[in-house]
């Protein structure tokens, strides 16, 4: 009996301080973005689960924005502070589907202290296939999490989260962006700069993956794509929409063309224009996409290109011709597509 009591006492003497240390360190670094405090040892944050991290930030911290940015991982590299005259929040996350737009925007609108007046969306061509756009997807499971009792406390006890805290601590202490997507405490993403050789290698691998997984024989343009966009827009008639296409590298664009999807690309742009009235098109061979140094893998651009996208969007629809980003409507889409087809040759 005495040995059992000693064992229990020793167990608690060891376990409780260890658990308390994990909880304290996870709170100090805050890798799930639940508390919002900022200091020099947590100002570099790796992506754990962007859907959960950004939803936590919106729900548990002060949130007052008039503009919401949506899109995939490509759009995460656009600095929300680059939209001068707007109070924008970048709610883009890895692999976002068009069928997620609705619940993401709804959640942001419900939690913002000011009225959300506009939404900026970066759209990706590879998300037009049936396999990438037909699967139902929403934010519901993440919304349920933030309402669970003791959710924040239980998360702080996680040893998996502790590993992310250690990575954040090291990067912050070294003041070094050591991964391909690293956030600061203001939801601004950065990426480590890779060598030319590594960028070329990454691009080659991405092209092969896209040929096989996204552009290959299994690709089929989703005939309901336009319908899903129409439904989404009809549910949010109180906001203005600013739509743009994400600028993949010319090499990846040419791979899409070589796989025989130029007609699908044209259909995609026409569907977007029909639903939203216009779109800023960045996805074609131009001065940015032809320069591989603007990408770390031919698929994701560096943040300075995100700044250029924001600048172009702020120029507005009157500037239809540009060296980077053409605003297309029903009036000029035929002309633009003829030019793109010529560039694709």
Foldseek 3Di string as FASTA:
>chain_A
DVVVVVVVVVCCVPPVVVLVVLLVLCVVQVQLLQALDDDLQNFKHDPPFLLRSVLNNLARHAAAFQEEEEEAPQLLLFFQVLQPPGRYDYSYYHLDELLAVQQSVVSSQVRHPYHHAAYEYADELLCQFCVNHVDHDYSVVSVVQVPDPCSSVVVSSDPVSSVSSVVSRVCSVVVHQPAQWIHGSRSHTFGHQDDPVQQVVLQVVVLVCCCPPRQDPRGDGDPCPLVSLQVSCVVCVNHAYAYEYRAFAQVSVLSNVVSPCLVVVLVVLVSCCVRRVKYWYQHADAPQNPDSSQDSRSGHGGSVVSSVVSVVVSVDQVCQDDRGIGIDGPVCSVVVSVVRVVRSD
